[in-house]
PDB file of all heavy atoms in Angstrom:
ATOM      1  N   PRO A   1       8.419  15.444  -4.937  1.00  0.00           N
ATOM      2  CA  PRO A   1       7.284  14.520  -4.953  1.00  0.00           C
ATOM      3  C   PRO A   1       7.262  13.632  -3.713  1.00  0.00           C
ATOM      4  O   PRO A   1       8.271  13.462  -3.026  1.00  0.00           O
ATOM      5  CB  PRO A   1       7.515  13.669  -6.204  1.00  0.00           C
ATOM      6  CG  PRO A   1       8.487  14.415  -7.025  1.00  0.00           C
ATOM      7  CD  PRO A   1       9.281  15.265  -6.091  1.00  0.00           C
ATOM      8  N   VAL A   2       6.110  13.053  -3.457  1.00  0.00           N
ATOM      9  CA  VAL A   2       5.914  12.219  -2.268  1.00  0.00           C
ATOM     10  C   VAL A   2       6.887  11.044  -2.238  1.00  0.00           C
ATOM     11  O   VAL A   2       7.462  10.721  -1.210  1.00  0.00           O
ATOM     12  CB  VAL A   2       4.457  11.694  -2.249  1.00  0.00           C
ATOM     13  CG1 VAL A   2       4.243  10.764  -1.068  1.00  0.00           C
ATOM     14  CG2 VAL A   2       3.487  12.842  -2.195  1.00  0.00           C
ATOM     15  N   ASN A   3       7.081  10.395  -3.359  1.00  0.00           N
ATOM     16  CA  ASN A   3       7.907   9.191  -3.427  1.00  0.00           C
ATOM     17  C   ASN A   3       9.337   9.463  -3.881  1.00  0.00           C
ATOM     18  O   ASN A   3       9.995   8.577  -4.434  1.00  0.00           O
ATOM     19  CB  ASN A   3       7.268   8.170  -4.368  1.00  0.00           C
ATOM     20  CG  ASN A   3       5.986   7.631  -3.819  1.00  0.00           C
ATOM     21  OD1 ASN A   3       5.866   7.430  -2.627  1.00  0.00           O
ATOM     22  ND2 ASN A   3       5.015   7.413  -4.681  1.00  0.00           N
ATOM     23  N   HIS A   4       9.821  10.657  -3.640  1.00  0.00           N
ATOM     24  CA  HIS A   4      11.171  11.013  -4.073  1.00  0.00           C
ATOM     25  C   HIS A   4      12.205  10.066  -3.471  1.00  0.00           C
ATOM     26  O   HIS A   4      12.251   9.864  -2.254  1.00  0.00           O
ATOM     27  CB  HIS A   4      11.482  12.452  -3.659  1.00  0.00           C
ATOM     28  CG  HIS A   4      12.817  12.930  -4.096  1.00  0.00           C
ATOM     29  ND1 HIS A   4      13.131  13.145  -5.412  1.00  0.00           N
ATOM     30  CD2 HIS A   4      13.935  13.226  -3.392  1.00  0.00           C
ATOM     31  CE1 HIS A   4      14.375  13.550  -5.500  1.00  0.00           C
ATOM     32  NE2 HIS A   4      14.889  13.610  -4.280  1.00  0.00           N
ATOM     33  N   ARG A   5      12.994   9.446  -4.315  1.00  0.00           N
ATOM     34  CA  ARG A   5      14.066   8.505  -3.948  1.00  0.00           C
ATOM     35  C   ARG A   5      13.581   7.211  -3.302  1.00  0.00           C
ATOM     36  O   ARG A   5      14.351   6.515  -2.668  1.00  0.00           O
ATOM     37  CB  ARG A   5      15.110   9.177  -3.056  1.00  0.00           C
ATOM     38  CG  ARG A   5      15.880  10.251  -3.774  1.00  0.00           C
ATOM     39  CD  ARG A   5      17.192  10.482  -3.070  1.00  0.00           C
ATOM     40  NE  ARG A   5      17.934  11.481  -3.783  1.00  0.00           N
ATOM     41  CZ  ARG A   5      19.074  11.235  -4.416  1.00  0.00           C
ATOM     42  NH1 ARG A   5      19.598  10.056  -4.404  1.00  0.00           N
ATOM     43  NH2 ARG A   5      19.686  12.192  -5.045  1.00  0.00           N
ATOM     44  N   HIS A   6      12.309   6.896  -3.445  1.00  0.00           N
ATOM     45  CA  HIS A   6      11.801   5.607  -2.971  1.00  0.00           C
ATOM     46  C   HIS A   6      11.768   4.625  -4.130  1.00  0.00           C
ATOM     47  O   HIS A   6      11.532   5.014  -5.271  1.00  0.00           O
ATOM     48  CB  HIS A   6      10.382   5.746  -2.398  1.00  0.00           C
ATOM     49  CG  HIS A   6      10.347   6.499  -1.114  1.00  0.00           C
ATOM     50  ND1 HIS A   6       9.199   7.061  -0.611  1.00  0.00           N
ATOM     51  CD2 HIS A   6      11.316   6.809  -0.211  1.00  0.00           C
ATOM     52  CE1 HIS A   6       9.454   7.664   0.526  1.00  0.00           C
ATOM     53  NE2 HIS A   6      10.742   7.533   0.782  1.00  0.00           N
ATOM     54  N   ALA A   7      12.015   3.365  -3.840  1.00  0.00           N
ATOM     55  CA  ALA A   7      12.007   2.332  -4.885  1.00  0.00           C
ATOM     56  C   ALA A   7      10.587   2.140  -5.414  1.00  0.00           C
ATOM     57  O   ALA A   7       9.607   2.334  -4.695  1.00  0.00           O
ATOM     58  CB  ALA A   7      12.536   1.021  -4.312  1.00  0.00           C
ATOM     59  N   TRP A   8      10.504   1.735  -6.680  1.00  0.00           N
ATOM     60  CA  TRP A   8       9.212   1.462  -7.298  1.00  0.00           C
ATOM     61  C   TRP A   8       8.730   0.095  -6.824  1.00  0.00           C
ATOM     62  O   TRP A   8       9.469  -0.872  -6.858  1.00  0.00           O
ATOM     63  CB  TRP A   8       9.342   1.459  -8.824  1.00  0.00           C
ATOM     64  CG  TRP A   8       9.504   2.818  -9.418  1.00  0.00           C
ATOM     65  CD1 TRP A   8      10.620   3.582  -9.403  1.00  0.00           C
ATOM     66  CD2 TRP A   8       8.509   3.564 -10.101  1.00  0.00           C
ATOM     67  NE1 TRP A   8      10.384   4.765 -10.045  1.00  0.00           N
ATOM     68  CE2 TRP A   8       9.098   4.777 -10.500  1.00  0.00           C
ATOM     69  CE3 TRP A   8       7.189   3.321 -10.448  1.00  0.00           C
ATOM     70  CZ2 TRP A   8       8.395   5.751 -11.204  1.00  0.00           C
ATOM     71  CZ3 TRP A   8       6.501   4.285 -11.150  1.00  0.00           C
ATOM     72  CH2 TRP A   8       7.102   5.495 -11.508  1.00  0.00           C
ATOM     73  N   GLY A   9       7.490   0.010  -6.424  1.00  0.00           N
ATOM     74  CA  GLY A   9       6.912  -1.256  -5.981  1.00  0.00           C
ATOM     75  C   GLY A   9       6.119  -1.918  -7.090  1.00  0.00           C
ATOM     76  O   GLY A   9       5.900  -1.341  -8.169  1.00  0.00           O
ATOM     77  N   GLY A  10       5.683  -3.127  -6.837  1.00  0.00           N
ATOM     78  CA  GLY A  10       4.911  -3.869  -7.828  1.00  0.00           C
ATOM     79  C   GLY A  10       3.593  -3.204  -8.170  1.00  0.00           C
ATOM     80  O   GLY A  10       3.164  -3.187  -9.330  1.00  0.00           O
ATOM     81  N   ALA A  11       2.932  -2.634  -7.182  1.00  0.00           N
ATOM     82  CA  ALA A  11       1.652  -1.960  -7.422  1.00  0.00           C
ATOM     83  C   ALA A  11       1.852  -0.699  -8.267  1.00  0.00           C
ATOM     84  O   ALA A  11       1.022  -0.392  -9.135  1.00  0.00           O
ATOM     85  CB  ALA A  11       0.994  -1.610  -6.095  1.00  0.00           C
ATOM     86  N   GLU A  12       2.945   0.015  -8.020  1.00  0.00           N
ATOM     87  CA  GLU A  12       3.229   1.216  -8.810  1.00  0.00           C
ATOM     88  C   GLU A  12       3.566   0.856 -10.255  1.00  0.00           C
ATOM     89  O   GLU A  12       3.149   1.548 -11.178  1.00  0.00           O
ATOM     90  CB  GLU A  12       4.389   1.998  -8.201  1.00  0.00           C
ATOM     91  CG  GLU A  12       4.026   2.733  -6.940  1.00  0.00           C
ATOM     92  CD  GLU A  12       5.199   3.492  -6.371  1.00  0.00           C
ATOM     93  OE1 GLU A  12       6.296   2.897  -6.279  1.00  0.00           O
ATOM     94  OE2 GLU A  12       5.020   4.662  -6.022  1.00  0.00           O
ATOM     95  N   ASN A  13       4.304  -0.234 -10.447  1.00  0.00           N
ATOM     96  CA  ASN A  13       4.620  -0.680 -11.801  1.00  0.00           C
ATOM     97  C   ASN A  13       3.346  -1.088 -12.541  1.00  0.00           C
ATOM     98  O   ASN A  13       3.186  -0.784 -13.721  1.00  0.00           O
ATOM     99  CB  ASN A  13       5.607  -1.847 -11.774  1.00  0.00           C
ATOM    100  CG  ASN A  13       7.006  -1.399 -11.380  1.00  0.00           C
ATOM    101  OD1 ASN A  13       7.375  -0.248 -11.564  1.00  0.00           O
ATOM    102  ND2 ASN A  13       7.768  -2.303 -10.810  1.00  0.00           N
ATOM    103  N   ALA A  14       2.442  -1.759 -11.853  1.00  0.00           N
ATOM    104  CA  ALA A  14       1.168  -2.156 -12.469  1.00  0.00           C
ATOM    105  C   ALA A  14       0.341  -0.926 -12.820  1.00  0.00           C
ATOM    106  O   ALA A  14      -0.274  -0.856 -13.894  1.00  0.00           O
ATOM    107  CB  ALA A  14       0.398  -3.069 -11.525  1.00  0.00           C
ATOM    108  N   ALA A  15       0.333   0.068 -11.931  1.00  0.00           N
ATOM    109  CA  ALA A  15      -0.397   1.311 -12.198  1.00  0.00           C
ATOM    110  C   ALA A  15       0.209   2.051 -13.379  1.00  0.00           C
ATOM    111  O   ALA A  15      -0.515   2.607 -14.209  1.00  0.00           O
ATOM    112  CB  ALA A  15      -0.399   2.192 -10.959  1.00  0.00           C
ATOM    113  N   LEU A  16       1.531   2.040 -13.476  1.00  0.00           N
ATOM    114  CA  LEU A  16       2.216   2.678 -14.604  1.00  0.00           C
ATOM    115  C   LEU A  16       1.812   2.012 -15.915  1.00  0.00           C
ATOM    116  O   LEU A  16       1.503   2.693 -16.895  1.00  0.00           O
ATOM    117  CB  LEU A  16       3.734   2.607 -14.416  1.00  0.00           C
ATOM    118  CG  LEU A  16       4.583   3.132 -15.569  1.00  0.00           C
ATOM    119  CD1 LEU A  16       4.402   4.626 -15.740  1.00  0.00           C
ATOM    120  CD2 LEU A  16       6.040   2.813 -15.330  1.00  0.00           C
ATOM    121  N   ARG A  17       1.788   0.690 -15.931  1.00  0.00           N
ATOM    122  CA  ARG A  17       1.380  -0.032 -17.146  1.00  0.00           C
ATOM    123  C   ARG A  17      -0.071   0.281 -17.516  1.00  0.00           C
ATOM    124  O   ARG A  17      -0.397   0.497 -18.686  1.00  0.00           O
ATOM    125  CB  ARG A  17       1.550  -1.534 -16.943  1.00  0.00           C
ATOM    126  CG  ARG A  17       2.979  -1.997 -16.992  1.00  0.00           C
ATOM    127  CD  ARG A  17       3.061  -3.525 -16.963  1.00  0.00           C
ATOM    128  NE  ARG A  17       4.426  -3.960 -17.107  1.00  0.00           N
ATOM    129  CZ  ARG A  17       5.205  -4.339 -16.097  1.00  0.00           C
ATOM    130  NH1 ARG A  17       4.736  -4.352 -14.871  1.00  0.00           N
ATOM    131  NH2 ARG A  17       6.450  -4.718 -16.313  1.00  0.00           N
ATOM    132  N   THR A  18      -0.935   0.322 -16.515  1.00  0.00           N
ATOM    133  CA  THR A  18      -2.351   0.616 -16.757  1.00  0.00           C
ATOM    134  C   THR A  18      -2.534   2.022 -17.306  1.00  0.00           C
ATOM    135  O   THR A  18      -3.258   2.227 -18.286  1.00  0.00           O
ATOM    136  CB  THR A  18      -3.159   0.471 -15.451  1.00  0.00           C
ATOM    137  OG1 THR A  18      -2.973  -0.853 -14.952  1.00  0.00           O
ATOM    138  CG2 THR A  18      -4.627   0.733 -15.678  1.00  0.00           C
ATOM    139  N   LEU A  19      -1.861   2.988 -16.702  1.00  0.00           N
ATOM    140  CA  LEU A  19      -1.969   4.369 -17.169  1.00  0.00           C
ATOM    141  C   LEU A  19      -1.395   4.531 -18.573  1.00  0.00           C
ATOM    142  O   LEU A  19      -1.933   5.286 -19.387  1.00  0.00           O
ATOM    143  CB  LEU A  19      -1.267   5.315 -16.191  1.00  0.00           C
ATOM    144  CG  LEU A  19      -1.946   5.484 -14.837  1.00  0.00           C
ATOM    145  CD1 LEU A  19      -1.023   6.228 -13.871  1.00  0.00           C
ATOM    146  CD2 LEU A  19      -3.260   6.208 -14.978  1.00  0.00           C
ATOM    147  N   ALA A  20      -0.319   3.817 -18.877  1.00  0.00           N
ATOM    148  CA  ALA A  20       0.269   3.886 -20.217  1.00  0.00           C
ATOM    149  C   ALA A  20      -0.684   3.283 -21.250  1.00  0.00           C
ATOM    150  O   ALA A  20      -0.823   3.812 -22.360  1.00  0.00           O
ATOM    151  CB  ALA A  20       1.606   3.162 -20.242  1.00  0.00           C
ATOM    152  N   ASN A  21      -1.366   2.199 -20.897  1.00  0.00           N
ATOM    153  CA  ASN A  21      -2.330   1.580 -21.818  1.00  0.00           C
ATOM    154  C   ASN A  21      -3.539   2.473 -22.048  1.00  0.00           C
ATOM    155  O   ASN A  21      -4.183   2.379 -23.093  1.00  0.00           O
ATOM    156  CB  ASN A  21      -2.783   0.218 -21.283  1.00  0.00           C
ATOM    157  CG  ASN A  21      -1.713  -0.831 -21.425  1.00  0.00           C
ATOM    158  OD1 ASN A  21      -0.814  -0.702 -22.255  1.00  0.00           O
ATOM    159  ND2 ASN A  21      -1.787  -1.857 -20.610  1.00  0.00           N
ATOM    160  N   GLN A  22      -3.848   3.335 -21.082  1.00  0.00           N
ATOM    161  CA  GLN A  22      -4.966   4.262 -21.215  1.00  0.00           C
ATOM    162  C   GLN A  22      -4.566   5.559 -21.912  1.00  0.00           C
ATOM    163  O   GLN A  22      -5.366   6.475 -22.022  1.00  0.00           O
ATOM    164  CB  GLN A  22      -5.547   4.587 -19.837  1.00  0.00           C
ATOM    165  CG  GLN A  22      -6.183   3.411 -19.158  1.00  0.00           C
ATOM    166  CD  GLN A  22      -6.573   3.717 -17.722  1.00  0.00           C
ATOM    167  OE1 GLN A  22      -6.261   4.785 -17.188  1.00  0.00           O
ATOM    168  NE2 GLN A  22      -7.260   2.779 -17.099  1.00  0.00           N
ATOM    169  N   ASN A  23      -3.322   5.624 -22.376  1.00  0.00           N
ATOM    170  CA  ASN A  23      -2.806   6.785 -23.111  1.00  0.00           C
ATOM    171  C   ASN A  23      -2.812   8.054 -22.251  1.00  0.00           C
ATOM    172  O   ASN A  23      -3.118   9.139 -22.716  1.00  0.00           O
ATOM    173  CB  ASN A  23      -3.614   6.994 -24.401  1.00  0.00           C
ATOM    174  CG  ASN A  23      -2.864   7.813 -25.412  1.00  0.00           C
ATOM    175  OD1 ASN A  23      -1.653   7.971 -25.320  1.00  0.00           O
ATOM    176  ND2 ASN A  23      -3.573   8.339 -26.377  1.00  0.00           N
ATOM    177  N   THR A  24      -2.466   7.917 -20.989  1.00  0.00           N
ATOM    178  CA  THR A  24      -2.406   9.039 -20.053  1.00  0.00           C
ATOM    179  C   THR A  24      -1.108   9.817 -20.275  1.00  0.00           C
ATOM    180  O   THR A  24      -0.054   9.213 -20.431  1.00  0.00           O
ATOM    181  CB  THR A  24      -2.444   8.506 -18.603  1.00  0.00           C
ATOM    182  OG1 THR A  24      -3.573   7.655 -18.462  1.00  0.00           O
ATOM    183  CG2 THR A  24      -2.531   9.634 -17.605  1.00  0.00           C
ATOM    184  N   PRO A  25      -1.163  11.152 -20.286  1.00  0.00           N
ATOM    185  CA  PRO A  25       0.065  11.932 -20.431  1.00  0.00           C
ATOM    186  C   PRO A  25       1.038  11.678 -19.275  1.00  0.00           C
ATOM    187  O   PRO A  25       0.627  11.397 -18.144  1.00  0.00           O
ATOM    188  CB  PRO A  25      -0.426  13.378 -20.394  1.00  0.00           C
ATOM    189  CG  PRO A  25      -1.861  13.313 -20.763  1.00  0.00           C
ATOM    190  CD  PRO A  25      -2.356  11.994 -20.260  1.00  0.00           C
ATOM    191  N   THR A  26       2.315  11.803 -19.559  1.00  0.00           N
ATOM    192  CA  THR A  26       3.361  11.521 -18.580  1.00  0.00           C
ATOM    193  C   THR A  26       3.247  12.422 -17.356  1.00  0.00           C
ATOM    194  O   THR A  26       3.448  11.973 -16.231  1.00  0.00           O
ATOM    195  CB  THR A  26       4.744  11.701 -19.232  1.00  0.00           C
ATOM    196  OG1 THR A  26       4.768  10.969 -20.446  1.00  0.00           O
ATOM    197  CG2 THR A  26       5.840  11.186 -18.339  1.00  0.00           C
ATOM    198  N   ARG A  27       2.897  13.666 -17.552  1.00  0.00           N
ATOM    199  CA  ARG A  27       2.753  14.599 -16.427  1.00  0.00           C
ATOM    200  C   ARG A  27       1.645  14.144 -15.479  1.00  0.00           C
ATOM    201  O   ARG A  27       1.801  14.175 -14.260  1.00  0.00           O
ATOM    202  CB  ARG A  27       2.459  16.002 -16.967  1.00  0.00           C
ATOM    203  CG  ARG A  27       2.089  17.006 -15.911  1.00  0.00           C
ATOM    204  CD  ARG A  27       3.245  17.938 -15.636  1.00  0.00           C
ATOM    205  NE  ARG A  27       2.801  19.003 -14.743  1.00  0.00           N
ATOM    206  CZ  ARG A  27       3.155  19.059 -13.464  1.00  0.00           C
ATOM    207  NH1 ARG A  27       3.945  18.159 -12.953  1.00  0.00           N
ATOM    208  NH2 ARG A  27       2.732  20.039 -12.708  1.00  0.00           N
ATOM    209  N   VAL A  28       0.531  13.704 -16.036  1.00  0.00           N
ATOM    210  CA  VAL A  28      -0.591  13.242 -15.223  1.00  0.00           C
ATOM    211  C   VAL A  28      -0.221  11.951 -14.504  1.00  0.00           C
ATOM    212  O   VAL A  28      -0.559  11.753 -13.330  1.00  0.00           O
ATOM    213  CB  VAL A  28      -1.851  13.053 -16.096  1.00  0.00           C
ATOM    214  CG1 VAL A  28      -2.993  12.461 -15.298  1.00  0.00           C
ATOM    215  CG2 VAL A  28      -2.261  14.367 -16.721  1.00  0.00           C
ATOM    216  N   MET A  29       0.508  11.069 -15.188  1.00  0.00           N
ATOM    217  CA  MET A  29       0.983   9.833 -14.547  1.00  0.00           C
ATOM    218  C   MET A  29       1.844  10.175 -13.332  1.00  0.00           C
ATOM    219  O   MET A  29       1.709   9.562 -12.279  1.00  0.00           O
ATOM    220  CB  MET A  29       1.824   8.997 -15.513  1.00  0.00           C
ATOM    221  CG  MET A  29       1.076   8.238 -16.527  1.00  0.00           C
ATOM    222  SD  MET A  29       2.239   7.169 -17.376  1.00  0.00           S
ATOM    223  CE  MET A  29       1.581   7.203 -19.001  1.00  0.00           C
ATOM    224  N   GLY A  30       2.730  11.143 -13.501  1.00  0.00           N
ATOM    225  CA  GLY A  30       3.596  11.546 -12.408  1.00  0.00           C
ATOM    226  C   GLY A  30       2.819  12.078 -11.221  1.00  0.00           C
ATOM    227  O   GLY A  30       3.130  11.764 -10.072  1.00  0.00           O
ATOM    228  N   LEU A  31       1.789  12.853 -11.487  1.00  0.00           N
ATOM    229  CA  LEU A  31       0.972  13.387 -10.398  1.00  0.00           C
ATOM    230  C   LEU A  31       0.219  12.276  -9.677  1.00  0.00           C
ATOM    231  O   LEU A  31       0.123  12.275  -8.455  1.00  0.00           O
ATOM    232  CB  LEU A  31      -0.014  14.419 -10.945  1.00  0.00           C
ATOM    233  CG  LEU A  31       0.607  15.725 -11.438  1.00  0.00           C
ATOM    234  CD1 LEU A  31      -0.445  16.579 -12.134  1.00  0.00           C
ATOM    235  CD2 LEU A  31       1.235  16.484 -10.299  1.00  0.00           C
ATOM    236  N   LYS A  32      -0.313  11.316 -10.423  1.00  0.00           N
ATOM    237  CA  LYS A  32      -1.063  10.225  -9.814  1.00  0.00           C
ATOM    238  C   LYS A  32      -0.164   9.276  -9.017  1.00  0.00           C
ATOM    239  O   LYS A  32      -0.582   8.730  -8.001  1.00  0.00           O
ATOM    240  CB  LYS A  32      -1.822   9.432 -10.881  1.00  0.00           C
ATOM    241  CG  LYS A  32      -2.996  10.187 -11.438  1.00  0.00           C
ATOM    242  CD  LYS A  32      -3.784   9.343 -12.403  1.00  0.00           C
ATOM    243  CE  LYS A  32      -4.999  10.108 -12.889  1.00  0.00           C
ATOM    244  NZ  LYS A  32      -5.904   9.268 -13.661  1.00  0.00           N
ATOM    245  N   LEU A  33       1.057   9.086  -9.495  1.00  0.00           N
ATOM    246  CA  LEU A  33       1.981   8.151  -8.844  1.00  0.00           C
ATOM    247  C   LEU A  33       2.881   8.827  -7.811  1.00  0.00           C
ATOM    248  O   LEU A  33       3.628   8.140  -7.107  1.00  0.00           O
ATOM    249  CB  LEU A  33       2.850   7.456  -9.899  1.00  0.00           C
ATOM    250  CG  LEU A  33       2.106   6.570 -10.897  1.00  0.00           C
ATOM    251  CD1 LEU A  33       3.047   6.105 -11.995  1.00  0.00           C
ATOM    252  CD2 LEU A  33       1.479   5.388 -10.189  1.00  0.00           C
ATOM    253  N   GLY A  34       2.839  10.148  -7.739  1.00  0.00           N
ATOM    254  CA  GLY A  34       3.703  10.860  -6.802  1.00  0.00           C
ATOM    255  C   GLY A  34       5.148  10.865  -7.243  1.00  0.00           C
ATOM    256  O   GLY A  34       6.062  10.831  -6.411  1.00  0.00           O
ATOM    257  N   ARG A  35       5.375  10.899  -8.536  1.00  0.00           N
ATOM    258  CA  ARG A  35       6.724  10.896  -9.126  1.00  0.00           C
ATOM    259  C   ARG A  35       6.848  12.049 -10.111  1.00  0.00           C
ATOM    260  O   ARG A  35       5.852  12.635 -10.532  1.00  0.00           O
ATOM    261  CB  ARG A  35       6.971   9.584  -9.892  1.00  0.00           C
ATOM    262  CG  ARG A  35       6.739   8.320  -9.107  1.00  0.00           C
ATOM    263  CD  ARG A  35       7.903   8.010  -8.227  1.00  0.00           C
ATOM    264  NE  ARG A  35       7.687   6.756  -7.497  1.00  0.00           N
ATOM    265  CZ  ARG A  35       8.623   6.111  -6.875  1.00  0.00           C
ATOM    266  NH1 ARG A  35       9.852   6.557  -6.882  1.00  0.00           N
ATOM    267  NH2 ARG A  35       8.353   5.010  -6.211  1.00  0.00           N
ATOM    268  N   THR A  36       8.070  12.336 -10.519  1.00  0.00           N
ATOM    269  CA  THR A  36       8.270  13.352 -11.547  1.00  0.00           C
ATOM    270  C   THR A  36       8.043  12.710 -12.918  1.00  0.00           C
ATOM    271  O   THR A  36       8.163  11.483 -13.066  1.00  0.00           O
ATOM    272  CB  THR A  36       9.702  13.918 -11.495  1.00  0.00           C
ATOM    273  OG1 THR A  36      10.626  12.875 -11.779  1.00  0.00           O
ATOM    274  CG2 THR A  36       9.993  14.550 -10.143  1.00  0.00           C
ATOM    275  N   PRO A  37       7.712  13.519 -13.930  1.00  0.00           N
ATOM    276  CA  PRO A  37       7.549  12.963 -15.281  1.00  0.00           C
ATOM    277  C   PRO A  37       8.807  12.255 -15.786  1.00  0.00           C
ATOM    278  O   PRO A  37       8.721  11.242 -16.471  1.00  0.00           O
ATOM    279  CB  PRO A  37       7.226  14.189 -16.129  1.00  0.00           C
ATOM    280  CG  PRO A  37       6.615  15.156 -15.175  1.00  0.00           C
ATOM    281  CD  PRO A  37       7.314  14.920 -13.878  1.00  0.00           C
TER     282      PRO A  37
END
């Protein structure tokens, strides 16, 4: 993935929370954030 071994930033954490609140599947979250599920 694009962000392999990079630290999570504040914007990524906020995006993760938003995607989780929208009931997004983990695989799709990973694709949007450039991370593995």
